[in-house]
């Protein structure tokens, strides 16, 4: 190797930060009636895949999210009365009260004030 050629440096990325932004774990939930789902800590995508319209449903955020974690929820069918709740010790802003067939929404978690902010 020539004297003035240095190997390329790779950026250092914190594993927790990488997990928060790049984790593609998904959870697909199939329900024939109303549902109540608490999203697991390592899930970024929640897919609600029912056969028809659901009258009610509740989605609760992960119990131990990391700073910058994103959570997206998509539904194949209408959920007429949807409740999106923050887990214990957290808060959530601008929650939807229904979701259309093919609809989706997303949040990002801010650890500094333990709040989920709507981003989609």
C-alpha atoms as a PDB file:
ATOM      1  CA  UNK A   1       0.000   0.000   0.000  1.00  0.00           C
ATOM      2  CA  UNK A   2       1.433   3.437  -0.865  1.00  0.00           C
ATOM      3  CA  UNK A   3       2.472   5.550   2.103  1.00  0.00           C
ATOM      4  CA  UNK A   4      -0.129   8.284   1.622  1.00  0.00           C
ATOM      5  CA  UNK A   5      -3.102   5.948   1.060  1.00  0.00           C
ATOM      6  CA  UNK A   6      -5.110   5.238   4.172  1.00  0.00           C
ATOM      7  CA  UNK A   7      -7.800   2.588   4.421  1.00  0.00           C
ATOM      8  CA  UNK A   8     -11.331   3.943   4.208  1.00  0.00           C
ATOM      9  CA  UNK A   9     -12.932   4.618   7.572  1.00  0.00           C
ATOM     10  CA  UNK A  10     -16.312   3.201   8.305  1.00  0.00           C
ATOM     11  CA  UNK A  11     -18.707   5.260  10.394  1.00  0.00           C
ATOM     12  CA  UNK A  12     -19.307   4.084  13.921  1.00  0.00           C
ATOM     13  CA  UNK A  13     -22.986   3.510  14.588  1.00  0.00           C
ATOM     14  CA  UNK A  14     -24.390   2.715  17.988  1.00  0.00           C
ATOM     15  CA  UNK A  15     -26.176  -0.626  17.943  1.00  0.00           C
ATOM     16  CA  UNK A  16     -29.135   0.792  19.875  1.00  0.00           C
ATOM     17  CA  UNK A  17     -29.470   3.671  17.409  1.00  0.00           C
ATOM     18  CA  UNK A  18     -29.227   1.321  14.441  1.00  0.00           C
ATOM     19  CA  UNK A  19     -31.898  -0.896  15.980  1.00  0.00           C
ATOM     20  CA  UNK A  20     -34.177   2.049  16.587  1.00  0.00           C
ATOM     21  CA  UNK A  21     -34.099   3.223  13.004  1.00  0.00           C
ATOM     22  CA  UNK A  22     -33.370   0.195  10.876  1.00  0.00           C
ATOM     23  CA  UNK A  23     -35.124  -2.677  12.587  1.00  0.00           C
ATOM     24  CA  UNK A  24     -37.618  -4.139  10.171  1.00  0.00           C
ATOM     25  CA  UNK A  25     -39.312  -6.629  12.492  1.00  0.00           C
ATOM     26  CA  UNK A  26     -42.985  -6.957  11.797  1.00  0.00           C
ATOM     27  CA  UNK A  27     -45.958  -8.499  13.496  1.00  0.00           C
ATOM     28  CA  UNK A  28     -48.956  -9.620  11.475  1.00  0.00           C
ATOM     29  CA  UNK A  29     -52.146  -9.969  13.474  1.00  0.00           C
ATOM     30  CA  UNK A  30     -55.265 -11.637  12.102  1.00  0.00           C
ATOM     31  CA  UNK A  31     -58.548 -10.984  13.883  1.00  0.00           C
ATOM     32  CA  UNK A  32     -62.147 -11.882  13.123  1.00  0.00           C
ATOM     33  CA  UNK A  33     -63.519  -9.699  15.924  1.00  0.00           C
ATOM     34  CA  UNK A  34     -62.279  -6.769  18.004  1.00  0.00           C
ATOM     35  CA  UNK A  35     -58.668  -6.873  19.149  1.00  0.00           C
ATOM     36  CA  UNK A  36     -56.289  -5.593  21.801  1.00  0.00           C
ATOM     37  CA  UNK A  37     -52.609  -5.723  20.865  1.00  0.00           C
ATOM     38  CA  UNK A  38     -49.571  -4.568  22.826  1.00  0.00           C
ATOM     39  CA  UNK A  39     -46.730  -4.188  20.344  1.00  0.00           C
ATOM     40  CA  UNK A  40     -43.522  -6.053  21.293  1.00  0.00           C
ATOM     41  CA  UNK A  41     -40.387  -3.995  21.953  1.00  0.00           C
ATOM     42  CA  UNK A  42     -38.576  -5.095  18.791  1.00  0.00           C
ATOM     43  CA  UNK A  43     -41.455  -4.552  16.351  1.00  0.00           C
ATOM     44  CA  UNK A  44     -41.425  -1.629  13.893  1.00  0.00           C
ATOM     45  CA  UNK A  45     -44.357  -2.689  11.701  1.00  0.00           C
ATOM     46  CA  UNK A  46     -47.741  -3.906  12.919  1.00  0.00           C
ATOM     47  CA  UNK A  47     -49.976  -5.321  10.192  1.00  0.00           C
ATOM     48  CA  UNK A  48     -53.667  -5.695  11.028  1.00  0.00           C
ATOM     49  CA  UNK A  49     -54.909  -8.287   8.555  1.00  0.00           C
ATOM     50  CA  UNK A  50     -58.557  -9.146   9.118  1.00  0.00           C
ATOM     51  CA  UNK A  51     -61.115 -10.709   6.800  1.00  0.00           C
ATOM     52  CA  UNK A  52     -63.585  -7.837   7.134  1.00  0.00           C
ATOM     53  CA  UNK A  53     -64.487  -4.638   8.947  1.00  0.00           C
ATOM     54  CA  UNK A  54     -63.714  -4.614  12.665  1.00  0.00           C
ATOM     55  CA  UNK A  55     -65.948  -2.656  15.043  1.00  0.00           C
ATOM     56  CA  UNK A  56     -63.244  -2.031  17.661  1.00  0.00           C
ATOM     57  CA  UNK A  57     -59.538  -2.409  18.229  1.00  0.00           C
ATOM     58  CA  UNK A  58     -56.812  -1.220  20.588  1.00  0.00           C
ATOM     59  CA  UNK A  59     -53.095  -0.882  19.847  1.00  0.00           C
ATOM     60  CA  UNK A  60     -50.722  -0.200  22.765  1.00  0.00           C
ATOM     61  CA  UNK A  61     -47.153   1.003  22.182  1.00  0.00           C
ATOM     62  CA  UNK A  62     -44.117  -1.102  23.200  1.00  0.00           C
ATOM     63  CA  UNK A  63     -43.267  -1.136  26.910  1.00  0.00           C
ATOM     64  CA  UNK A  64     -39.535  -0.359  26.508  1.00  0.00           C
ATOM     65  CA  UNK A  65     -38.936   1.610  23.294  1.00  0.00           C
ATOM     66  CA  UNK A  66     -35.571   3.171  22.453  1.00  0.00           C
ATOM     67  CA  UNK A  67     -34.987   6.784  21.478  1.00  0.00           C
ATOM     68  CA  UNK A  68     -35.957   7.337  17.843  1.00  0.00           C
ATOM     69  CA  UNK A  69     -37.843   4.043  17.543  1.00  0.00           C
ATOM     70  CA  UNK A  70     -40.478   4.109  14.853  1.00  0.00           C
ATOM     71  CA  UNK A  71     -43.759   2.222  14.896  1.00  0.00           C
ATOM     72  CA  UNK A  72     -45.940   1.918  11.806  1.00  0.00           C
ATOM     73  CA  UNK A  73     -49.423   0.384  11.797  1.00  0.00           C
ATOM     74  CA  UNK A  74     -51.175  -0.716   8.597  1.00  0.00           C
ATOM     75  CA  UNK A  75     -54.615  -2.280   8.191  1.00  0.00           C
ATOM     76  CA  UNK A  76     -56.127  -4.353   5.407  1.00  0.00           C
ATOM     77  CA  UNK A  77     -59.670  -3.500   6.558  1.00  0.00           C
ATOM     78  CA  UNK A  78     -61.617  -0.742   8.282  1.00  0.00           C
ATOM     79  CA  UNK A  79     -61.390  -0.498  12.061  1.00  0.00           C
ATOM     80  CA  UNK A  80     -64.393   1.632  12.989  1.00  0.00           C
ATOM     81  CA  UNK A  81     -63.428   2.535  16.575  1.00  0.00           C
ATOM     82  CA  UNK A  82     -59.648   2.440  16.998  1.00  0.00           C
ATOM     83  CA  UNK A  83     -57.843   3.258  20.239  1.00  0.00           C
ATOM     84  CA  UNK A  84     -54.090   3.875  20.194  1.00  0.00           C
ATOM     85  CA  UNK A  85     -52.671   3.969  23.715  1.00  0.00           C
ATOM     86  CA  UNK A  86     -49.262   4.739  25.155  1.00  0.00           C
ATOM     87  CA  UNK A  87     -47.768   2.145  27.460  1.00  0.00           C
ATOM     88  CA  UNK A  88     -47.176   2.834  31.169  1.00  0.00           C
ATOM     89  CA  UNK A  89     -45.062   5.953  31.775  1.00  0.00           C
ATOM     90  CA  UNK A  90     -45.383   7.156  28.164  1.00  0.00           C
ATOM     91  CA  UNK A  91     -47.603   9.612  26.349  1.00  0.00           C
ATOM     92  CA  UNK A  92     -48.755   9.789  22.744  1.00  0.00           C
ATOM     93  CA  UNK A  93     -49.768  12.709  20.506  1.00  0.00           C
ATOM     94  CA  UNK A  94     -52.465  12.885  17.813  1.00  0.00           C
ATOM     95  CA  UNK A  95     -53.960   9.409  17.914  1.00  0.00           C
ATOM     96  CA  UNK A  96     -56.271   8.222  15.152  1.00  0.00           C
ATOM     97  CA  UNK A  97     -59.764   7.074  16.134  1.00  0.00           C
ATOM     98  CA  UNK A  98     -60.379   4.947  13.046  1.00  0.00           C
ATOM     99  CA  UNK A  99     -58.401   3.455  10.183  1.00  0.00           C
ATOM    100  CA  UNK A 100     -59.524   2.865   6.613  1.00  0.00           C
ATOM    101  CA  UNK A 101     -58.960  -0.283   4.583  1.00  0.00           C
ATOM    102  CA  UNK A 102     -55.431   0.056   3.247  1.00  0.00           C
ATOM    103  CA  UNK A 103     -54.732   2.845   5.733  1.00  0.00           C
ATOM    104  CA  UNK A 104     -51.605   3.346   7.821  1.00  0.00           C
ATOM    105  CA  UNK A 105     -50.101   5.641  10.438  1.00  0.00           C
ATOM    106  CA  UNK A 106     -46.744   5.946  12.147  1.00  0.00           C
ATOM    107  CA  UNK A 107     -45.066   7.289  15.273  1.00  0.00           C
ATOM    108  CA  UNK A 108     -41.552   8.064  16.490  1.00  0.00           C
ATOM    109  CA  UNK A 109     -40.542   7.801  20.146  1.00  0.00           C
ATOM    110  CA  UNK A 110     -38.679  10.600  21.948  1.00  0.00           C
ATOM    111  CA  UNK A 111     -36.972   9.186  25.037  1.00  0.00           C
ATOM    112  CA  UNK A 112     -36.220  12.638  26.524  1.00  0.00           C
ATOM    113  CA  UNK A 113     -39.897  13.212  27.330  1.00  0.00           C
ATOM    114  CA  UNK A 114     -41.168   9.609  26.875  1.00  0.00           C
ATOM    115  CA  UNK A 115     -43.574  10.683  24.129  1.00  0.00           C
ATOM    116  CA  UNK A 116     -44.660   9.114  20.825  1.00  0.00           C
ATOM    117  CA  UNK A 117     -45.058  11.692  18.041  1.00  0.00           C
ATOM    118  CA  UNK A 118     -47.151  11.084  14.956  1.00  0.00           C
ATOM    119  CA  UNK A 119     -45.012  11.137  11.799  1.00  0.00           C
ATOM    120  CA  UNK A 120     -47.479   9.686   9.306  1.00  0.00           C
END
